[in-house]
Amino acid sequence: MGDFIGTIANLGSIATGVVAVWAWVSFKCQARGRRARLEDYLKQVMDEAQRDPRQSGEGMRSLFHLMAHLYMTESQVYEAAFASNKVKSWPRTGEDGVAERVMFQYNPSRRSVFAA
């Protein structure tokens, strides 16, 4: 009986590890997919802006615009943008000089702050 309980405990430990690895891989794949969707969308917007700058606002899009078009939450957009080396973000200030919204733009030449 002791061997049986030990075997079940070992199988439980293995199953816990397998589930943890599966959850981590799933989370990373979803985050990578969101980042790719954001980059692709902003690249498309930038291409439209280069064809007709008056219509597309220099390829910039606000956080709320991206949330609506990409069906992501605020935190998902921020996570995807900050994980990307191709998305530039900056605050847009109002008349009083205080930041009112965050703007995002595709910029393939952007380099990481931590790059040597």
PDB file of N, CA and C in Angstrom:
ATOM      1  N   MET A   1       0.815  -1.189   0.000  1.00  0.00           N
ATOM      2  CA  MET A   1       0.000   0.000   0.000  1.00  0.00           C
ATOM      3  C   MET A   1       0.861   1.256   0.000  1.00  0.00           C
ATOM      4  N   GLY A   2       1.981   1.208   0.702  1.00  0.00           N
ATOM      5  CA  GLY A   2       2.885   2.355   0.748  1.00  0.00           C
ATOM      6  C   GLY A   2       3.480   2.680  -0.616  1.00  0.00           C
ATOM      7  N   ASP A   3       3.807   1.613  -1.396  1.00  0.00           N
ATOM      8  CA  ASP A   3       4.322   1.836  -2.750  1.00  0.00           C
ATOM      9  C   ASP A   3       3.278   2.505  -3.639  1.00  0.00           C
ATOM     10  N   PHE A   4       2.026   2.122  -3.481  1.00  0.00           N
ATOM     11  CA  PHE A   4       0.943   2.675  -4.286  1.00  0.00           C
ATOM     12  C   PHE A   4       0.775   4.167  -4.000  1.00  0.00           C
ATOM     13  N   ILE A   5       0.779   4.544  -2.741  1.00  0.00           N
ATOM     14  CA  ILE A   5       0.630   5.946  -2.360  1.00  0.00           C
ATOM     15  C   ILE A   5       1.835   6.751  -2.841  1.00  0.00           C
ATOM     16  N   GLY A   6       3.017   6.184  -2.723  1.00  0.00           N
ATOM     17  CA  GLY A   6       4.223   6.857  -3.219  1.00  0.00           C
ATOM     18  C   GLY A   6       4.184   7.074  -4.722  1.00  0.00           C
ATOM     19  N   THR A   7       3.706   6.076  -5.433  1.00  0.00           N
ATOM     20  CA  THR A   7       3.594   6.188  -6.891  1.00  0.00           C
ATOM     21  C   THR A   7       2.589   7.272  -7.276  1.00  0.00           C
ATOM     22  N   ILE A   8       1.457   7.286  -6.603  1.00  0.00           N
ATOM     23  CA  ILE A   8       0.438   8.316  -6.867  1.00  0.00           C
ATOM     24  C   ILE A   8       1.008   9.702  -6.568  1.00  0.00           C
ATOM     25  N   ALA A   9       1.746   9.837  -5.483  1.00  0.00           N
ATOM     26  CA  ALA A   9       2.357  11.129  -5.126  1.00  0.00           C
ATOM     27  C   ALA A   9       3.363  11.562  -6.189  1.00  0.00           C
ATOM     28  N   ASN A  10       4.161  10.627  -6.681  1.00  0.00           N
ATOM     29  CA  ASN A  10       5.130  10.952  -7.734  1.00  0.00           C
ATOM     30  C   ASN A  10       4.433  11.364  -9.027  1.00  0.00           C
ATOM     31  N   LEU A  11       3.370  10.652  -9.382  1.00  0.00           N
ATOM     32  CA  LEU A  11       2.611  11.016 -10.582  1.00  0.00           C
ATOM     33  C   LEU A  11       1.962  12.391 -10.430  1.00  0.00           C
ATOM     34  N   GLY A  12       1.496  12.692  -9.228  1.00  0.00           N
ATOM     35  CA  GLY A  12       0.926  14.015  -8.958  1.00  0.00           C
ATOM     36  C   GLY A  12       1.963  15.117  -9.119  1.00  0.00           C
ATOM     37  N   SER A  13       3.164  14.866  -8.657  1.00  0.00           N
ATOM     38  CA  SER A  13       4.252  15.847  -8.809  1.00  0.00           C
ATOM     39  C   SER A  13       4.598  16.064 -10.277  1.00  0.00           C
ATOM     40  N   ILE A  14       4.657  14.981 -11.021  1.00  0.00           N
ATOM     41  CA  ILE A  14       4.958  15.087 -12.456  1.00  0.00           C
ATOM     42  C   ILE A  14       3.845  15.843 -13.176  1.00  0.00           C
ATOM     43  N   ALA A  15       2.596  15.515 -12.855  1.00  0.00           N
ATOM     44  CA  ALA A  15       1.460  16.188 -13.490  1.00  0.00           C
ATOM     45  C   ALA A  15       1.462  17.685 -13.169  1.00  0.00           C
ATOM     46  N   THR A  16       1.795  18.049 -11.946  1.00  0.00           N
ATOM     47  CA  THR A  16       1.860  19.467 -11.564  1.00  0.00           C
ATOM     48  C   THR A  16       2.916  20.192 -12.384  1.00  0.00           C
ATOM     49  N   GLY A  17       4.066  19.573 -12.553  1.00  0.00           N
ATOM     50  CA  GLY A  17       5.124  20.179 -13.365  1.00  0.00           C
ATOM     51  C   GLY A  17       4.712  20.328 -14.821  1.00  0.00           C
ATOM     52  N   VAL A  18       4.059  19.311 -15.368  1.00  0.00           N
ATOM     53  CA  VAL A  18       3.615  19.360 -16.769  1.00  0.00           C
ATOM     54  C   VAL A  18       2.587  20.478 -16.957  1.00  0.00           C
ATOM     55  N   VAL A  19       1.640  20.580 -16.030  1.00  0.00           N
ATOM     56  CA  VAL A  19       0.619  21.623 -16.125  1.00  0.00           C
ATOM     57  C   VAL A  19       1.262  23.007 -15.998  1.00  0.00           C
ATOM     58  N   ALA A  20       2.224  23.154 -15.112  1.00  0.00           N
ATOM     59  CA  ALA A  20       2.895  24.450 -14.948  1.00  0.00           C
ATOM     60  C   ALA A  20       3.638  24.852 -16.217  1.00  0.00           C
ATOM     61  N   VAL A  21       4.339  23.938 -16.846  1.00  0.00           N
ATOM     62  CA  VAL A  21       5.054  24.231 -18.090  1.00  0.00           C
ATOM     63  C   VAL A  21       4.065  24.570 -19.197  1.00  0.00           C
ATOM     64  N   TRP A  22       2.975  23.817 -19.288  1.00  0.00           N
ATOM     65  CA  TRP A  22       1.951  24.084 -20.303  1.00  0.00           C
ATOM     66  C   TRP A  22       1.346  25.481 -20.108  1.00  0.00           C
ATOM     67  N   ALA A  23       1.063  25.854 -18.860  1.00  0.00           N
ATOM     68  CA  ALA A  23       0.491  27.178 -18.577  1.00  0.00           C
ATOM     69  C   ALA A  23       1.475  28.278 -18.956  1.00  0.00           C
ATOM     70  N   TRP A  24       2.753  28.106 -18.651  1.00  0.00           N
ATOM     71  CA  TRP A  24       3.758  29.106 -18.983  1.00  0.00           C
ATOM     72  C   TRP A  24       3.885  29.256 -20.502  1.00  0.00           C
ATOM     73  N   VAL A  25       3.956  28.152 -21.237  1.00  0.00           N
ATOM     74  CA  VAL A  25       4.060  28.195 -22.704  1.00  0.00           C
ATOM     75  C   VAL A  25       2.821  28.854 -23.298  1.00  0.00           C
ATOM     76  N   SER A  26       1.660  28.525 -22.785  1.00  0.00           N
ATOM     77  CA  SER A  26       0.414  29.116 -23.266  1.00  0.00           C
ATOM     78  C   SER A  26       0.405  30.617 -23.036  1.00  0.00           C
ATOM     79  N   PHE A  27       0.821  31.060 -21.874  1.00  0.00           N
ATOM     80  CA  PHE A  27       0.877  32.487 -21.557  1.00  0.00           C
ATOM     81  C   PHE A  27       1.844  33.214 -22.490  1.00  0.00           C
ATOM     82  N   LYS A  28       3.013  32.652 -22.701  1.00  0.00           N
ATOM     83  CA  LYS A  28       4.009  33.275 -23.571  1.00  0.00           C
ATOM     84  C   LYS A  28       3.529  33.343 -25.024  1.00  0.00           C
ATOM     85  N   CYS A  29       2.861  32.294 -25.497  1.00  0.00           N
ATOM     86  CA  CYS A  29       2.339  32.292 -26.871  1.00  0.00           C
ATOM     87  C   CYS A  29       1.255  33.345 -27.045  1.00  0.00           C
ATOM     88  N   GLN A  30       0.395  33.495 -26.063  1.00  0.00           N
ATOM     89  CA  GLN A  30      -0.647  34.519 -26.142  1.00  0.00           C
ATOM     90  C   GLN A  30      -0.032  35.914 -26.143  1.00  0.00           C
ATOM     91  N   ALA A  31       0.954  36.148 -25.298  1.00  0.00           N
ATOM     92  CA  ALA A  31       1.607  37.457 -25.241  1.00  0.00           C
ATOM     93  C   ALA A  31       2.327  37.758 -26.561  1.00  0.00           C
ATOM     94  N   ARG A  32       2.976  36.751 -27.119  1.00  0.00           N
ATOM     95  CA  ARG A  32       3.660  36.938 -28.405  1.00  0.00           C
ATOM     96  C   ARG A  32       2.655  37.232 -29.515  1.00  0.00           C
ATOM     97  N   GLY A  33       1.513  36.555 -29.496  1.00  0.00           N
ATOM     98  CA  GLY A  33       0.467  36.803 -30.483  1.00  0.00           C
ATOM     99  C   GLY A  33      -0.090  38.213 -30.384  1.00  0.00           C
ATOM    100  N   ARG A  34      -0.296  38.701 -29.157  1.00  0.00           N
ATOM    101  CA  ARG A  34      -0.781  40.074 -28.977  1.00  0.00           C
ATOM    102  C   ARG A  34       0.249  41.080 -29.470  1.00  0.00           C
ATOM    103  N   ARG A  35       1.525  40.820 -29.183  1.00  0.00           N
ATOM    104  CA  ARG A  35       2.572  41.728 -29.649  1.00  0.00           C
ATOM    105  C   ARG A  35       2.624  41.759 -31.173  1.00  0.00           C
ATOM    106  N   ALA A  36       2.522  40.597 -31.798  1.00  0.00           N
ATOM    107  CA  ALA A  36       2.547  40.525 -33.259  1.00  0.00           C
ATOM    108  C   ALA A  36       1.335  41.238 -33.864  1.00  0.00           C
ATOM    109  N   ARG A  37       0.155  41.073 -33.254  1.00  0.00           N
ATOM    110  CA  ARG A  37      -1.042  41.764 -33.755  1.00  0.00           C
ATOM    111  C   ARG A  37      -0.884  43.264 -33.662  1.00  0.00           C
ATOM    112  N   LEU A  38      -0.344  43.748 -32.547  1.00  0.00           N
ATOM    113  CA  LEU A  38      -0.125  45.186 -32.376  1.00  0.00           C
ATOM    114  C   LEU A  38       0.863  45.709 -33.407  1.00  0.00           C
ATOM    115  N   GLU A  39       1.987  45.011 -33.573  1.00  0.00           N
ATOM    116  CA  GLU A  39       2.986  45.437 -34.547  1.00  0.00           C
ATOM    117  C   GLU A  39       2.416  45.437 -35.967  1.00  0.00           C
ATOM    118  N   ASP A  40       1.688  44.382 -36.322  1.00  0.00           N
ATOM    119  CA  ASP A  40       1.107  44.298 -37.668  1.00  0.00           C
ATOM    120  C   ASP A  40       0.100  45.416 -37.914  1.00  0.00           C
ATOM    121  N   TYR A  41      -0.738  45.694 -36.922  1.00  0.00           N
ATOM    122  CA  TYR A  41      -1.744  46.745 -37.081  1.00  0.00           C
ATOM    123  C   TYR A  41      -1.080  48.111 -37.230  1.00  0.00           C
ATOM    124  N   LEU A  42      -0.110  48.404 -36.351  1.00  0.00           N
ATOM    125  CA  LEU A  42       0.559  49.704 -36.433  1.00  0.00           C
ATOM    126  C   LEU A  42       1.394  49.829 -37.703  1.00  0.00           C
ATOM    127  N   LYS A  43       1.938  48.736 -38.204  1.00  0.00           N
ATOM    128  CA  LYS A  43       2.660  48.763 -39.479  1.00  0.00           C
ATOM    129  C   LYS A  43       1.699  49.102 -40.614  1.00  0.00           C
ATOM    130  N   GLN A  44       0.525  48.493 -40.585  1.00  0.00           N
ATOM    131  CA  GLN A  44      -0.495  48.789 -41.598  1.00  0.00           C
ATOM    132  C   GLN A  44      -0.907  50.260 -41.528  1.00  0.00           C
ATOM    133  N   VAL A  45      -1.089  50.782 -40.332  1.00  0.00           N
ATOM    134  CA  VAL A  45      -1.457  52.185 -40.152  1.00  0.00           C
ATOM    135  C   VAL A  45      -0.339  53.089 -40.672  1.00  0.00           C
ATOM    136  N   MET A  46       0.913  52.716 -40.400  1.00  0.00           N
ATOM    137  CA  MET A  46       2.051  53.516 -40.870  1.00  0.00           C
ATOM    138  C   MET A  46       2.122  53.496 -42.391  1.00  0.00           C
ATOM    139  N   ASP A  47       1.879  52.358 -43.001  1.00  0.00           N
ATOM    140  CA  ASP A  47       1.879  52.278 -44.462  1.00  0.00           C
ATOM    141  C   ASP A  47       0.794  53.171 -45.054  1.00  0.00           C
ATOM    142  N   GLU A  48      -0.396  53.185 -44.434  1.00  0.00           N
ATOM    143  CA  GLU A  48      -1.469  54.064 -44.891  1.00  0.00           C
ATOM    144  C   GLU A  48      -1.085  55.529 -44.717  1.00  0.00           C
ATOM    145  N   ALA A  49      -0.404  55.841 -43.615  1.00  0.00           N
ATOM    146  CA  ALA A  49       0.014  57.222 -43.360  1.00  0.00           C
ATOM    147  C   ALA A  49       1.045  57.685 -44.381  1.00  0.00           C
ATOM    148  N   GLN A  50       1.897  56.782 -44.825  1.00  0.00           N
ATOM    149  CA  GLN A  50       2.895  57.164 -45.825  1.00  0.00           C
ATOM    150  C   GLN A  50       2.253  57.400 -47.184  1.00  0.00           C
ATOM    151  N   ARG A  51       1.149  56.682 -47.463  1.00  0.00           N
ATOM    152  CA  ARG A  51       0.436  56.904 -48.719  1.00  0.00           C
ATOM    153  C   ARG A  51      -0.376  58.195 -48.678  1.00  0.00           C
ATOM    154  N   ASP A  52      -1.018  58.490 -47.545  1.00  0.00           N
ATOM    155  CA  ASP A  52      -1.852  59.680 -47.411  1.00  0.00           C
ATOM    156  C   ASP A  52      -1.739  60.227 -45.987  1.00  0.00           C
ATOM    157  N   PRO A  53      -0.744  61.062 -45.726  1.00  0.00           N
ATOM    158  CA  PRO A  53      -0.483  61.546 -44.357  1.00  0.00           C
ATOM    159  C   PRO A  53      -1.646  62.340 -43.760  1.00  0.00           C
ATOM    160  N   ARG A  54      -2.447  62.985 -44.575  1.00  0.00           N
ATOM    161  CA  ARG A  54      -3.542  63.801 -44.041  1.00  0.00           C
ATOM    162  C   ARG A  54      -4.617  62.938 -43.394  1.00  0.00           C
ATOM    163  N   GLN A  55      -4.806  61.729 -43.857  1.00  0.00           N
ATOM    164  CA  GLN A  55      -5.875  60.871 -43.364  1.00  0.00           C
ATOM    165  C   GLN A  55      -5.469  60.046 -42.138  1.00  0.00           C
ATOM    166  N   SER A  56      -4.216  59.672 -42.026  1.00  0.00           N
ATOM    167  CA  SER A  56      -3.819  58.688 -41.012  1.00  0.00           C
ATOM    168  C   SER A  56      -3.058  59.254 -39.828  1.00  0.00           C
ATOM    169  N   GLY A  57      -2.870  60.549 -39.756  1.00  0.00           N
ATOM    170  CA  GLY A  57      -2.240  61.132 -38.575  1.00  0.00           C
ATOM    171  C   GLY A  57      -0.847  60.630 -38.284  1.00  0.00           C
ATOM    172  N   GLU A  58      -0.009  60.532 -39.273  1.00  0.00           N
ATOM    173  CA  GLU A  58       1.392  60.108 -39.125  1.00  0.00           C
ATOM    174  C   GLU A  58       1.530  58.697 -38.574  1.00  0.00           C
ATOM    175  N   GLY A  59       0.504  57.905 -38.661  1.00  0.00           N
ATOM    176  CA  GLY A  59       0.568  56.524 -38.203  1.00  0.00           C
ATOM    177  C   GLY A  59       0.469  56.351 -36.707  1.00  0.00           C
ATOM    178  N   MET A  60       0.116  57.408 -35.988  1.00  0.00           N
ATOM    179  CA  MET A  60      -0.009  57.325 -34.532  1.00  0.00           C
ATOM    180  C   MET A  60      -1.416  56.874 -34.164  1.00  0.00           C
ATOM    181  N   ARG A  61      -1.503  56.091 -33.109  1.00  0.00           N
ATOM    182  CA  ARG A  61      -2.797  55.666 -32.601  1.00  0.00           C
ATOM    183  C   ARG A  61      -2.775  55.732 -31.078  1.00  0.00           C
ATOM    184  N   SER A  62      -3.922  56.084 -30.513  1.00  0.00           N
ATOM    185  CA  SER A  62      -4.033  56.188 -29.058  1.00  0.00           C
ATOM    186  C   SER A  62      -4.297  54.819 -28.438  1.00  0.00           C
ATOM    187  N   LEU A  63      -4.141  54.764 -27.144  1.00  0.00           N
ATOM    188  CA  LEU A  63      -4.389  53.538 -26.405  1.00  0.00           C
ATOM    189  C   LEU A  63      -5.818  53.055 -26.620  1.00  0.00           C
ATOM    190  N   PHE A  64      -6.790  53.962 -26.524  1.00  0.00           N
ATOM    191  CA  PHE A  64      -8.192  53.559 -26.650  1.00  0.00           C
ATOM    192  C   PHE A  64      -8.513  53.089 -28.062  1.00  0.00           C
ATOM    193  N   HIS A  65      -7.906  53.707 -29.050  1.00  0.00           N
ATOM    194  CA  HIS A  65      -8.089  53.272 -30.432  1.00  0.00           C
ATOM    195  C   HIS A  65      -7.587  51.828 -30.589  1.00  0.00           C
ATOM    196  N   LEU A  66      -6.415  51.554 -30.063  1.00  0.00           N
ATOM    197  CA  LEU A  66      -5.846  50.208 -30.175  1.00  0.00           C
ATOM    198  C   LEU A  66      -6.665  49.184 -29.398  1.00  0.00           C
ATOM    199  N   MET A  67      -7.163  49.579 -28.238  1.00  0.00           N
ATOM    200  CA  MET A  67      -7.999  48.669 -27.464  1.00  0.00           C
ATOM    201  C   MET A  67      -9.242  48.275 -28.266  1.00  0.00           C
ATOM    202  N   ALA A  68      -9.843  49.239 -28.939  1.00  0.00           N
ATOM    203  CA  ALA A  68     -11.066  48.979 -29.693  1.00  0.00           C
ATOM    204  C   ALA A  68     -10.797  48.144 -30.939  1.00  0.00           C
ATOM    205  N   HIS A  69      -9.735  48.436 -31.653  1.00  0.00           N
ATOM    206  CA  HIS A  69      -9.471  47.751 -32.920  1.00  0.00           C
ATOM    207  C   HIS A  69      -8.821  46.389 -32.754  1.00  0.00           C
ATOM    208  N   LEU A  70      -8.095  46.188 -31.674  1.00  0.00           N
ATOM    209  CA  LEU A  70      -7.394  44.916 -31.480  1.00  0.00           C
ATOM    210  C   LEU A  70      -8.071  44.012 -30.453  1.00  0.00           C
ATOM    211  N   TYR A  71      -9.163  44.498 -29.856  1.00  0.00           N
ATOM    212  CA  TYR A  71      -9.891  43.721 -28.847  1.00  0.00           C
ATOM    213  C   TYR A  71      -8.970  43.270 -27.722  1.00  0.00           C
ATOM    214  N   MET A  72      -8.215  44.220 -27.197  1.00  0.00           N
ATOM    215  CA  MET A  72      -7.316  43.952 -26.080  1.00  0.00           C
ATOM    216  C   MET A  72      -7.685  44.871 -24.919  1.00  0.00           C
ATOM    217  N   THR A  73      -7.291  44.470 -23.735  1.00  0.00           N
ATOM    218  CA  THR A  73      -7.460  45.326 -22.574  1.00  0.00           C
ATOM    219  C   THR A  73      -6.324  46.345 -22.543  1.00  0.00           C
ATOM    220  N   GLU A  74      -6.460  47.326 -21.688  1.00  0.00           N
ATOM    221  CA  GLU A  74      -5.428  48.353 -21.542  1.00  0.00           C
ATOM    222  C   GLU A  74      -4.090  47.732 -21.169  1.00  0.00           C
ATOM    223  N   SER A  75      -4.100  46.836 -20.206  1.00  0.00           N
ATOM    224  CA  SER A  75      -2.843  46.230 -19.764  1.00  0.00           C
ATOM    225  C   SER A  75      -2.226  45.359 -20.858  1.00  0.00           C
ATOM    226  N   GLN A  76      -3.057  44.707 -21.676  1.00  0.00           N
ATOM    227  CA  GLN A  76      -2.530  43.889 -22.771  1.00  0.00           C
ATOM    228  C   GLN A  76      -1.868  44.758 -23.830  1.00  0.00           C
ATOM    229  N   VAL A  77      -2.450  45.915 -24.136  1.00  0.00           N
ATOM    230  CA  VAL A  77      -1.838  46.821 -25.120  1.00  0.00           C
ATOM    231  C   VAL A  77      -0.501  47.330 -24.586  1.00  0.00           C
ATOM    232  N   TYR A  78      -0.484  47.759 -23.324  1.00  0.00           N
ATOM    233  CA  TYR A  78       0.773  48.229 -22.735  1.00  0.00           C
ATOM    234  C   TYR A  78       1.823  47.122 -22.733  1.00  0.00           C
ATOM    235  N   GLU A  79       1.426  45.929 -22.326  1.00  0.00           N
ATOM    236  CA  GLU A  79       2.371  44.807 -22.279  1.00  0.00           C
ATOM    237  C   GLU A  79       2.948  44.505 -23.661  1.00  0.00           C
ATOM    238  N   ALA A  80       2.086  44.476 -24.676  1.00  0.00           N
ATOM    239  CA  ALA A  80       2.539  44.192 -26.042  1.00  0.00           C
ATOM    240  C   ALA A  80       3.438  45.308 -26.559  1.00  0.00           C
ATOM    241  N   ALA A  81       3.081  46.549 -26.291  1.00  0.00           N
ATOM    242  CA  ALA A  81       3.869  47.686 -26.786  1.00  0.00           C
ATOM    243  C   ALA A  81       5.243  47.735 -26.122  1.00  0.00           C
ATOM    244  N   PHE A  82       5.286  47.542 -24.834  1.00  0.00           N
ATOM    245  CA  PHE A  82       6.558  47.646 -24.124  1.00  0.00           C
ATOM    246  C   PHE A  82       7.445  46.431 -24.358  1.00  0.00           C
ATOM    247  N   ALA A  83       6.860  45.311 -24.769  1.00  0.00           N
ATOM    248  CA  ALA A  83       7.653  44.122 -25.096  1.00  0.00           C
ATOM    249  C   ALA A  83       8.208  44.188 -26.520  1.00  0.00           C
ATOM    250  N   SER A  84       7.675  45.101 -27.328  1.00  0.00           N
ATOM    251  CA  SER A  84       8.065  45.178 -28.731  1.00  0.00           C
ATOM    252  C   SER A  84       9.261  46.109 -28.926  1.00  0.00           C
ATOM    253  N   ASN A  85      10.138  45.715 -29.839  1.00  0.00           N
ATOM    254  CA  ASN A  85      11.239  46.589 -30.232  1.00  0.00           C
ATOM    255  C   ASN A  85      10.862  47.448 -31.422  1.00  0.00           C
ATOM    256  N   LYS A  86       9.629  47.309 -31.919  1.00  0.00           N
ATOM    257  CA  LYS A  86       9.199  48.025 -33.118  1.00  0.00           C
ATOM    258  C   LYS A  86       8.090  49.032 -32.846  1.00  0.00           C
ATOM    259  N   VAL A  87       7.684  49.182 -31.626  1.00  0.00           N
ATOM    260  CA  VAL A  87       6.605  50.105 -31.285  1.00  0.00           C
ATOM    261  C   VAL A  87       7.144  51.198 -30.376  1.00  0.00           C
ATOM    262  N   LYS A  88       6.941  52.429 -30.804  1.00  0.00           N
ATOM    263  CA  LYS A  88       7.370  53.585 -30.031  1.00  0.00           C
ATOM    264  C   LYS A  88       6.156  54.134 -29.295  1.00  0.00           C
ATOM    265  N   SER A  89       6.329  54.525 -28.057  1.00  0.00           N
ATOM    266  CA  SER A  89       5.220  55.098 -27.294  1.00  0.00           C
ATOM    267  C   SER A  89       5.684  56.385 -26.622  1.00  0.00           C
ATOM    268  N   TRP A  90       4.754  57.309 -26.480  1.00  0.00           N
ATOM    269  CA  TRP A  90       5.058  58.549 -25.794  1.00  0.00           C
ATOM    270  C   TRP A  90       3.759  59.199 -25.343  1.00  0.00           C
ATOM    271  N   PRO A  91       3.836  60.091 -24.343  1.00  0.00           N
ATOM    272  CA  PRO A  91       2.630  60.777 -23.885  1.00  0.00           C
ATOM    273  C   PRO A  91       2.305  61.960 -24.794  1.00  0.00           C
ATOM    274  N   ARG A  92       1.035  62.194 -25.011  1.00  0.00           N
ATOM    275  CA  ARG A  92       0.589  63.389 -25.731  1.00  0.00           C
ATOM    276  C   ARG A  92       0.006  64.325 -24.689  1.00  0.00           C
ATOM    277  N   THR A  93       0.531  65.542 -24.657  1.00  0.00           N
ATOM    278  CA  THR A  93       0.114  66.499 -23.641  1.00  0.00           C
ATOM    279  C   THR A  93      -1.021  67.378 -24.150  1.00  0.00           C
ATOM    280  N   GLY A  94      -1.803  67.873 -23.206  1.00  0.00           N
ATOM    281  CA  GLY A  94      -2.895  68.787 -23.508  1.00  0.00           C
ATOM    282  C   GLY A  94      -2.416  70.217 -23.443  1.00  0.00           C
ATOM    283  N   GLU A  95      -3.356  71.131 -23.443  1.00  0.00           N
ATOM    284  CA  GLU A  95      -3.027  72.567 -23.418  1.00  0.00           C
ATOM    285  C   GLU A  95      -2.334  72.973 -22.133  1.00  0.00           C
ATOM    286  N   ASP A  96      -2.631  72.295 -21.041  1.00  0.00           N
ATOM    287  CA  ASP A  96      -2.019  72.637 -19.754  1.00  0.00           C
ATOM    288  C   ASP A  96      -0.657  71.989 -19.544  1.00  0.00           C
ATOM    289  N   GLY A  97      -0.181  71.221 -20.519  1.00  0.00           N
ATOM    290  CA  GLY A  97       1.123  70.599 -20.435  1.00  0.00           C
ATOM    291  C   GLY A  97       1.142  69.263 -19.712  1.00  0.00           C
ATOM    292  N   VAL A  98      -0.008  68.785 -19.263  1.00  0.00           N
ATOM    293  CA  VAL A  98      -0.113  67.513 -18.562  1.00  0.00           C
ATOM    294  C   VAL A  98      -0.463  66.421 -19.579  1.00  0.00           C
ATOM    295  N   ALA A  99       0.138  65.265 -19.428  1.00  0.00           N
ATOM    296  CA  ALA A  99      -0.125  64.162 -20.348  1.00  0.00           C
ATOM    297  C   ALA A  99      -1.589  63.753 -20.267  1.00  0.00           C
ATOM    298  N   GLU A 100      -2.231  63.680 -21.427  1.00  0.00           N
ATOM    299  CA  GLU A 100      -3.642  63.299 -21.497  1.00  0.00           C
ATOM    300  C   GLU A 100      -3.830  61.880 -21.998  1.00  0.00           C
ATOM    301  N   ARG A 101      -2.957  61.438 -22.897  1.00  0.00           N
ATOM    302  CA  ARG A 101      -3.096  60.092 -23.458  1.00  0.00           C
ATOM    303  C   ARG A 101      -1.741  59.579 -23.906  1.00  0.00           C
ATOM    304  N   VAL A 102      -1.679  58.288 -24.098  1.00  0.00           N
ATOM    305  CA  VAL A 102      -0.462  57.649 -24.584  1.00  0.00           C
ATOM    306  C   VAL A 102      -0.672  57.329 -26.057  1.00  0.00           C
ATOM    307  N   MET A 103       0.317  57.661 -26.880  1.00  0.00           N
ATOM    308  CA  MET A 103       0.250  57.407 -28.315  1.00  0.00           C
ATOM    309  C   MET A 103       1.264  56.319 -28.660  1.00  0.00           C
ATOM    310  N   PHE A 104       0.925  55.537 -29.685  1.00  0.00           N
ATOM    311  CA  PHE A 104       1.790  54.447 -30.141  1.00  0.00           C
ATOM    312  C   PHE A 104       1.994  54.587 -31.646  1.00  0.00           C
ATOM    313  N   GLN A 105       3.183  54.222 -32.098  1.00  0.00           N
ATOM    314  CA  GLN A 105       3.509  54.304 -33.521  1.00  0.00           C
ATOM    315  C   GLN A 105       4.495  53.201 -33.875  1.00  0.00           C
ATOM    316  N   TYR A 106       4.331  52.653 -35.081  1.00  0.00           N
ATOM    317  CA  TYR A 106       5.257  51.630 -35.570  1.00  0.00           C
ATOM    318  C   TYR A 106       6.563  52.306 -35.938  1.00  0.00           C
ATOM    319  N   ASN A 107       7.658  51.761 -35.448  1.00  0.00           N
ATOM    320  CA  ASN A 107       8.972  52.320 -35.720  1.00  0.00           C
ATOM    321  C   ASN A 107       9.973  51.166 -35.745  1.00  0.00           C
ATOM    322  N   PRO A 108      10.214  50.568 -36.925  1.00  0.00           N
ATOM    323  CA  PRO A 108      11.072  49.374 -36.982  1.00  0.00           C
ATOM    324  C   PRO A 108      12.520  49.635 -36.593  1.00  0.00           C
ATOM    325  N   SER A 109      12.949  50.883 -36.590  1.00  0.00           N
ATOM    326  CA  SER A 109      14.344  51.171 -36.246  1.00  0.00           C
ATOM    327  C   SER A 109      14.517  51.477 -34.764  1.00  0.00           C
ATOM    328  N   ARG A 110      13.441  51.389 -33.981  1.00  0.00           N
ATOM    329  CA  ARG A 110      13.540  51.668 -32.552  1.00  0.00           C
ATOM    330  C   ARG A 110      14.481  50.685 -31.895  1.00  0.00           C
ATOM    331  N   ARG A 111      15.302  51.187 -31.015  1.00  0.00           N
ATOM    332  CA  ARG A 111      16.228  50.318 -30.287  1.00  0.00           C
ATOM    333  C   ARG A 111      15.856  50.325 -28.816  1.00  0.00           C
ATOM    334  N   SER A 112      16.140  49.232 -28.183  1.00  0.00           N
ATOM    335  CA  SER A 112      15.855  49.111 -26.761  1.00  0.00           C
ATOM    336  C   SER A 112      16.736  50.071 -25.968  1.00  0.00           C
ATOM    337  N   VAL A 113      16.201  50.554 -24.873  1.00  0.00           N
ATOM    338  CA  VAL A 113      16.957  51.432 -23.977  1.00  0.00           C
ATOM    339  C   VAL A 113      18.144  50.693 -23.397  1.00  0.00           C
ATOM    340  N   PHE A 114      18.012  49.385 -23.254  1.00  0.00           N
ATOM    341  CA  PHE A 114      19.056  48.590 -22.628  1.00  0.00           C
ATOM    342  C   PHE A 114      20.070  48.049 -23.609  1.00  0.00           C
ATOM    343  N   ALA A 115      19.915  48.346 -24.909  1.00  0.00           N
ATOM    344  CA  ALA A 115      20.855  47.837 -25.908  1.00  0.00           C
ATOM    345  C   ALA A 115      22.196  48.528 -25.753  1.00  0.00           C
ATOM    346  N   ALA A 116      23.243  47.777 -25.979  1.00  0.00           N
ATOM    347  CA  ALA A 116      24.595  48.337 -25.815  1.00  0.00           C
ATOM    348  C   ALA A 116      25.000  49.138 -27.022  1.00  0.00           C
TER     349      ALA A 116
END
